[in-house]
Amino acid sequence: MEICSENCINAAKVKKTIKSFPEQDTIVGIAEIFKALSDPSRLKIVFTLLSREHCVCDIAVICRQSESAISHQLRILRVLKIVKNRREGKVVYYSLDDDHVRSLIQMSFDHLSH
């Protein structure tokens, strides 16, 4: 690990950087999103919903998990506003909440191939 060989704190830069930090609850919220997306089961669900909406039954088949397990993961993703749902009769369809989630996944792909 590289460290400074002498103590050379640039107070002006440090002050500017500290001022640009978001609030603590914003940092915690962002960490929660990344934590949710770091789980392989939830990430598979997000990949499933990248191009189209699906019901829980479809997602369970695609992800090779039980409907109960998928429902549990979807609940977590919905609380974090990563996915949203809509009801059509007795069927509930899930989709990505917005294009920000899609962009986050695309940027991750881009970063890996860089």
Protein backbone atom coordinates (compact mmCIF):
# COMPACT_ATOMS: atom_id res chain seq x y z
CA MET A 1 0.00 0.00 0.00
CA GLU A 2 1.30 3.42 -0.96
CA ILE A 3 1.22 6.10 1.72
CA CYS A 4 2.54 9.64 1.93
CA SER A 5 6.13 9.73 3.08
CA GLU A 6 5.48 13.04 4.81
CA ASN A 7 2.44 14.73 6.27
CA CYS A 8 1.34 17.21 3.60
CA ILE A 9 -2.36 17.93 4.14
CA ASN A 10 -3.77 20.45 1.68
CA ALA A 11 -6.31 22.18 3.93
CA ALA A 12 -8.08 23.98 1.06
CA LYS A 13 -8.64 20.77 -0.92
CA VAL A 14 -9.74 18.89 2.18
CA LYS A 15 -12.24 21.63 3.10
CA LYS A 16 -13.71 21.70 -0.46
CA THR A 17 -14.05 17.93 -0.51
CA ILE A 18 -15.75 17.82 2.89
CA LYS A 19 -18.19 20.55 1.77
CA SER A 20 -19.10 18.50 -1.32
CA PHE A 21 -20.02 15.40 0.71
CA PRO A 22 -23.72 14.49 0.75
CA GLU A 23 -25.62 14.18 4.03
CA GLN A 24 -25.01 11.02 6.09
CA ASP A 25 -28.48 9.61 5.39
CA THR A 26 -27.85 10.02 1.65
CA ILE A 27 -24.59 8.09 1.97
CA VAL A 28 -26.39 5.36 3.92
CA GLY A 29 -29.15 5.23 1.27
CA ILE A 30 -26.65 4.83 -1.55
CA ALA A 31 -24.85 2.11 0.43
CA GLU A 32 -28.18 0.29 0.88
CA ILE A 33 -28.76 0.32 -2.89
CA PHE A 34 -25.31 -1.11 -3.56
CA LYS A 35 -25.80 -3.67 -0.78
CA ALA A 36 -29.08 -4.78 -2.36
CA LEU A 37 -27.49 -5.04 -5.79
CA SER A 38 -24.50 -6.95 -4.41
CA ASP A 39 -26.70 -9.97 -3.66
CA PRO A 40 -26.58 -12.38 -6.63
CA SER A 41 -30.26 -13.35 -6.28
CA ARG A 42 -31.43 -9.75 -6.35
CA LEU A 43 -29.04 -8.89 -9.16
CA LYS A 44 -30.48 -11.75 -11.25
CA ILE A 45 -33.93 -10.29 -10.69
CA VAL A 46 -32.72 -6.87 -11.84
CA PHE A 47 -31.16 -8.44 -14.96
CA THR A 48 -34.47 -10.23 -15.60
CA LEU A 49 -36.28 -6.89 -15.55
CA LEU A 50 -33.79 -4.92 -17.66
CA SER A 51 -35.71 -5.32 -20.89
CA ARG A 52 -39.31 -6.06 -19.83
CA GLU A 53 -41.67 -6.48 -16.94
CA HIS A 54 -42.46 -9.92 -15.52
CA CYS A 55 -44.73 -11.46 -12.94
CA VAL A 56 -43.32 -13.31 -9.92
CA CYS A 57 -43.97 -16.67 -11.62
CA ASP A 58 -41.88 -15.70 -14.66
CA ILE A 59 -39.08 -14.28 -12.51
CA ALA A 60 -39.00 -17.47 -10.41
CA VAL A 61 -38.59 -19.63 -13.54
CA ILE A 62 -35.95 -17.35 -15.08
CA CYS A 63 -33.93 -17.11 -11.83
CA ARG A 64 -34.50 -20.77 -10.88
CA GLN A 65 -35.84 -19.92 -7.43
CA SER A 66 -39.11 -20.43 -5.63
CA GLU A 67 -41.85 -17.84 -5.96
CA SER A 68 -41.61 -17.29 -2.20
CA ALA A 69 -37.87 -16.51 -2.42
CA ILE A 70 -38.45 -14.17 -5.36
CA SER A 71 -41.26 -12.37 -3.53
CA HIS A 72 -38.97 -11.82 -0.55
CA GLN A 73 -36.22 -10.36 -2.74
CA LEU A 74 -38.68 -8.20 -4.68
CA ARG A 75 -39.97 -6.74 -1.42
CA ILE A 76 -36.42 -5.59 -0.56
CA LEU A 77 -35.89 -4.17 -4.05
CA ARG A 78 -39.26 -2.40 -3.96
CA VAL A 79 -38.54 -0.72 -0.59
CA LEU A 80 -35.31 0.66 -2.06
CA LYS A 81 -37.20 1.85 -5.17
CA ILE A 82 -35.12 -0.36 -7.44
CA VAL A 83 -38.24 -2.08 -8.78
CA LYS A 84 -41.91 -1.13 -8.91
CA ASN A 85 -45.04 -3.17 -9.45
CA ARG A 86 -48.43 -2.88 -11.06
CA ARG A 87 -51.47 -5.08 -10.69
CA GLU A 88 -53.47 -6.41 -13.62
CA GLY A 89 -56.37 -8.41 -12.21
CA LYS A 90 -54.86 -11.07 -9.96
CA VAL A 91 -51.38 -10.79 -11.48
CA VAL A 92 -48.69 -8.42 -10.19
CA TYR A 93 -46.05 -7.35 -12.70
CA TYR A 94 -42.65 -6.02 -11.71
CA SER A 95 -40.36 -3.70 -13.66
CA LEU A 96 -37.36 -1.51 -12.93
CA ASP A 97 -38.43 1.61 -11.08
CA ASP A 98 -36.68 3.96 -13.53
CA ASP A 99 -33.82 4.31 -15.99
CA HIS A 100 -31.34 5.16 -13.22
CA VAL A 101 -31.22 1.48 -12.25
CA ARG A 102 -30.65 0.49 -15.88
CA SER A 103 -27.85 3.10 -16.12
CA LEU A 104 -26.22 1.80 -12.94
CA ILE A 105 -26.11 -1.72 -14.37
CA GLN A 106 -24.85 -0.46 -17.75
CA MET A 107 -22.10 1.58 -16.08
CA SER A 108 -21.05 -1.53 -14.16
CA PHE A 109 -20.77 -3.46 -17.42
CA ASP A 110 -18.79 -0.61 -18.96
CA HIS A 111 -16.48 -0.48 -15.96
CA LEU A 112 -15.81 -4.23 -16.14
CA SER A 113 -14.93 -4.07 -19.84
CA HIS A 114 -12.74 -0.97 -19.47
